[in-house]
Amino acid sequence: MGRTHRLGQVGEDLVAEYLTGLGWQILDRNYRRRGAELDIVARDPKRGIVFVEVKTRSARGAATAWESITEQKMRFLRRGAAVWLSEHERSGSVCMDAVVVKVRGRLADIEHRKGVL
């Protein structure tokens, strides 16, 4: 496993823990099917199913994290969400959030933006 992949996994683990602490239920992680890729699928008791895109950067690369969530990436996420919903026969409210994790040594900052789509 390369350094970038390990850093991404650390970020996703931190975000899953963060969301659980908010009272969310993690439904799926690292979902990959038919060209679809989702970092975290969770249930927010207030908003329903939330597809969460996680971007993890070291402190030096933090500025580019939000910029990496492009319109093309959002289309990819929408497609992934549609595939996940069809496989799990879910309906109801669906949201997409993005979370950036900035790692500095043993410290991490989490910035959560709700409803990015």
C-alpha atoms as a PDB file:
ATOM      1  CA  MET A   1       0.000   0.000   0.000  1.00  0.00           C
ATOM      2  CA  GLY A   2       1.484   3.341  -1.049  1.00  0.00           C
ATOM      3  CA  ARG A   3       1.784   6.421   1.138  1.00  0.00           C
ATOM      4  CA  THR A   4      -1.082   8.248  -0.599  1.00  0.00           C
ATOM      5  CA  HIS A   5      -3.394   5.254  -0.249  1.00  0.00           C
ATOM      6  CA  ARG A   6      -2.496   4.892   3.450  1.00  0.00           C
ATOM      7  CA  LEU A   7      -3.144   8.594   4.036  1.00  0.00           C
ATOM      8  CA  GLY A   8      -6.529   8.280   2.315  1.00  0.00           C
ATOM      9  CA  GLN A   9      -7.432   5.265   4.444  1.00  0.00           C
ATOM     10  CA  VAL A  10      -6.496   7.149   7.620  1.00  0.00           C
ATOM     11  CA  GLY A  11      -8.726  10.034   6.519  1.00  0.00           C
ATOM     12  CA  GLU A  12     -11.672   7.755   5.769  1.00  0.00           C
ATOM     13  CA  ASP A  13     -11.264   6.033   9.147  1.00  0.00           C
ATOM     14  CA  LEU A  14     -11.257   9.417  10.918  1.00  0.00           C
ATOM     15  CA  VAL A  15     -14.339  10.578   9.028  1.00  0.00           C
ATOM     16  CA  ALA A  16     -16.230   7.349   9.786  1.00  0.00           C
ATOM     17  CA  GLU A  17     -15.422   7.833  13.479  1.00  0.00           C
ATOM     18  CA  TYR A  18     -16.436  11.517  13.276  1.00  0.00           C
ATOM     19  CA  LEU A  19     -19.781  10.701  11.627  1.00  0.00           C
ATOM     20  CA  THR A  20     -20.513   7.919  14.110  1.00  0.00           C
ATOM     21  CA  GLY A  21     -19.853  10.447  16.870  1.00  0.00           C
ATOM     22  CA  LEU A  22     -22.551  12.651  15.328  1.00  0.00           C
ATOM     23  CA  GLY A  23     -25.005   9.769  15.662  1.00  0.00           C
ATOM     24  CA  TRP A  24     -24.807   8.663  12.036  1.00  0.00           C
ATOM     25  CA  GLN A  25     -24.898   5.002  11.033  1.00  0.00           C
ATOM     26  CA  ILE A  26     -22.227   3.874   8.556  1.00  0.00           C
ATOM     27  CA  LEU A  27     -23.967   1.769   5.890  1.00  0.00           C
ATOM     28  CA  ASP A  28     -21.066   1.133   3.515  1.00  0.00           C
ATOM     29  CA  ARG A  29     -17.421   2.048   2.982  1.00  0.00           C
ATOM     30  CA  ASN A  30     -15.161   1.899  -0.065  1.00  0.00           C
ATOM     31  CA  TYR A  31     -18.024   0.814  -2.306  1.00  0.00           C
ATOM     32  CA  ARG A  32     -16.888  -0.044  -5.825  1.00  0.00           C
ATOM     33  CA  ARG A  33     -19.135  -1.355  -8.584  1.00  0.00           C
ATOM     34  CA  ARG A  34     -19.603  -0.872 -12.328  1.00  0.00           C
ATOM     35  CA  GLY A  35     -17.397   2.188 -12.545  1.00  0.00           C
ATOM     36  CA  ALA A  36     -18.812   3.594  -9.315  1.00  0.00           C
ATOM     37  CA  GLU A  37     -16.751   4.510  -6.281  1.00  0.00           C
ATOM     38  CA  LEU A  38     -18.080   5.841  -2.981  1.00  0.00           C
ATOM     39  CA  ASP A  39     -15.977   6.520   0.100  1.00  0.00           C
ATOM     40  CA  ILE A  40     -18.691   6.384   2.773  1.00  0.00           C
ATOM     41  CA  VAL A  41     -22.433   5.806   2.681  1.00  0.00           C
ATOM     42  CA  ALA A  42     -24.134   6.754   5.932  1.00  0.00           C
ATOM     43  CA  ARG A  43     -27.526   7.450   7.442  1.00  0.00           C
ATOM     44  CA  ASP A  44     -27.929  10.820   9.114  1.00  0.00           C
ATOM     45  CA  PRO A  45     -30.955  10.616  11.442  1.00  0.00           C
ATOM     46  CA  LYS A  46     -31.973  14.132  10.338  1.00  0.00           C
ATOM     47  CA  ARG A  47     -31.331  13.957   6.576  1.00  0.00           C
ATOM     48  CA  GLY A  48     -31.498  10.318   5.528  1.00  0.00           C
ATOM     49  CA  ILE A  49     -28.891   8.618   3.354  1.00  0.00           C
ATOM     50  CA  VAL A  50     -25.741  10.653   2.790  1.00  0.00           C
ATOM     51  CA  PHE A  51     -23.003   9.828   0.296  1.00  0.00           C
ATOM     52  CA  VAL A  52     -19.760  11.230   1.681  1.00  0.00           C
ATOM     53  CA  GLU A  53     -16.734  12.064  -0.447  1.00  0.00           C
ATOM     54  CA  VAL A  54     -13.563  12.143   1.653  1.00  0.00           C
ATOM     55  CA  LYS A  55     -10.420  14.003   0.607  1.00  0.00           C
ATOM     56  CA  THR A  56      -7.355  13.638   2.804  1.00  0.00           C
ATOM     57  CA  ARG A  57      -4.288  15.791   2.434  1.00  0.00           C
ATOM     58  CA  SER A  58      -1.141  16.469   4.357  1.00  0.00           C
ATOM     59  CA  ALA A  59      -0.915  20.023   5.666  1.00  0.00           C
ATOM     60  CA  ARG A  60       1.172  20.974   2.615  1.00  0.00           C
ATOM     61  CA  GLY A  61      -1.441  19.767   0.134  1.00  0.00           C
ATOM     62  CA  ALA A  62      -4.543  20.884   1.997  1.00  0.00           C
ATOM     63  CA  ALA A  63      -5.294  23.849  -0.260  1.00  0.00           C
ATOM     64  CA  THR A  64      -5.981  21.599  -3.244  1.00  0.00           C
ATOM     65  CA  ALA A  65      -8.396  19.235  -1.476  1.00  0.00           C
ATOM     66  CA  TRP A  66     -11.578  21.214  -2.152  1.00  0.00           C
ATOM     67  CA  GLU A  67     -10.430  22.034  -5.676  1.00  0.00           C
ATOM     68  CA  SER A  68     -10.178  18.316  -6.443  1.00  0.00           C
ATOM     69  CA  ILE A  69     -13.957  17.923  -6.100  1.00  0.00           C
ATOM     70  CA  THR A  70     -14.723  18.918  -9.671  1.00  0.00           C
ATOM     71  CA  GLU A  71     -17.978  18.761 -11.620  1.00  0.00           C
ATOM     72  CA  GLN A  72     -16.670  15.592 -13.280  1.00  0.00           C
ATOM     73  CA  LYS A  73     -16.071  14.064  -9.835  1.00  0.00           C
ATOM     74  CA  MET A  74     -19.605  15.050  -8.780  1.00  0.00           C
ATOM     75  CA  ARG A  75     -21.064  13.308 -11.860  1.00  0.00           C
ATOM     76  CA  PHE A  76     -19.064  10.212 -10.912  1.00  0.00           C
ATOM     77  CA  LEU A  77     -20.463  10.414  -7.354  1.00  0.00           C
ATOM     78  CA  ARG A  78     -24.044  10.806  -8.616  1.00  0.00           C
ATOM     79  CA  ARG A  79     -23.608   7.731 -10.785  1.00  0.00           C
ATOM     80  CA  GLY A  80     -22.183   5.800  -7.818  1.00  0.00           C
ATOM     81  CA  ALA A  81     -25.070   6.894  -5.626  1.00  0.00           C
ATOM     82  CA  ALA A  82     -27.601   5.726  -8.217  1.00  0.00           C
ATOM     83  CA  VAL A  83     -25.921   2.309  -8.466  1.00  0.00           C
ATOM     84  CA  TRP A  84     -25.741   1.951  -4.667  1.00  0.00           C
ATOM     85  CA  LEU A  85     -29.399   2.927  -4.236  1.00  0.00           C
ATOM     86  CA  SER A  86     -30.539   0.471  -6.916  1.00  0.00           C
ATOM     87  CA  GLU A  87     -28.539  -2.378  -5.366  1.00  0.00           C
ATOM     88  CA  HIS A  88     -29.843  -1.662  -1.876  1.00  0.00           C
ATOM     89  CA  GLU A  89     -33.437  -0.862  -2.898  1.00  0.00           C
ATOM     90  CA  ARG A  90     -33.417   2.325  -0.849  1.00  0.00           C
ATOM     91  CA  SER A  91     -35.572   5.360  -1.309  1.00  0.00           C
ATOM     92  CA  GLY A  92     -36.184   8.588   0.557  1.00  0.00           C
ATOM     93  CA  SER A  93     -34.045  11.623   1.116  1.00  0.00           C
ATOM     94  CA  VAL A  94     -30.523  11.453  -0.309  1.00  0.00           C
ATOM     95  CA  CYS A  95     -27.716  13.981   0.184  1.00  0.00           C
ATOM     96  CA  MET A  96     -24.078  14.312  -0.797  1.00  0.00           C
ATOM     97  CA  ASP A  97     -21.497  15.762   1.559  1.00  0.00           C
ATOM     98  CA  ALA A  98     -17.773  16.321   1.252  1.00  0.00           C
ATOM     99  CA  VAL A  99     -15.259  16.119   4.058  1.00  0.00           C
ATOM    100  CA  VAL A 100     -11.662  17.270   3.890  1.00  0.00           C
ATOM    101  CA  VAL A 101      -9.195  15.865   6.388  1.00  0.00           C
ATOM    102  CA  LYS A 102      -5.971  17.834   6.840  1.00  0.00           C
ATOM    103  CA  VAL A 103      -3.316  15.717   8.520  1.00  0.00           C
ATOM    104  CA  ARG A 104      -0.387  17.342  10.305  1.00  0.00           C
ATOM    105  CA  GLY A 105       1.761  14.740  12.004  1.00  0.00           C
ATOM    106  CA  ARG A 106      -0.441  13.095  14.626  1.00  0.00           C
ATOM    107  CA  LEU A 107      -3.093  15.826  14.409  1.00  0.00           C
ATOM    108  CA  ALA A 108      -5.968  16.081  11.958  1.00  0.00           C
ATOM    109  CA  ASP A 109      -8.521  18.777  11.165  1.00  0.00           C
ATOM    110  CA  ILE A 110     -11.873  17.772   9.699  1.00  0.00           C
ATOM    111  CA  GLU A 111     -13.926  20.185   7.594  1.00  0.00           C
ATOM    112  CA  HIS A 112     -17.408  18.944   6.682  1.00  0.00           C
ATOM    113  CA  ARG A 113     -19.513  20.588   3.967  1.00  0.00           C
ATOM    114  CA  LYS A 114     -23.081  19.383   3.768  1.00  0.00           C
ATOM    115  CA  GLY A 115     -25.169  19.233   0.614  1.00  0.00           C
ATOM    116  CA  VAL A 116     -22.394  19.760  -1.914  1.00  0.00           C
ATOM    117  CA  LEU A 117     -24.720  18.476  -4.608  1.00  0.00           C
END
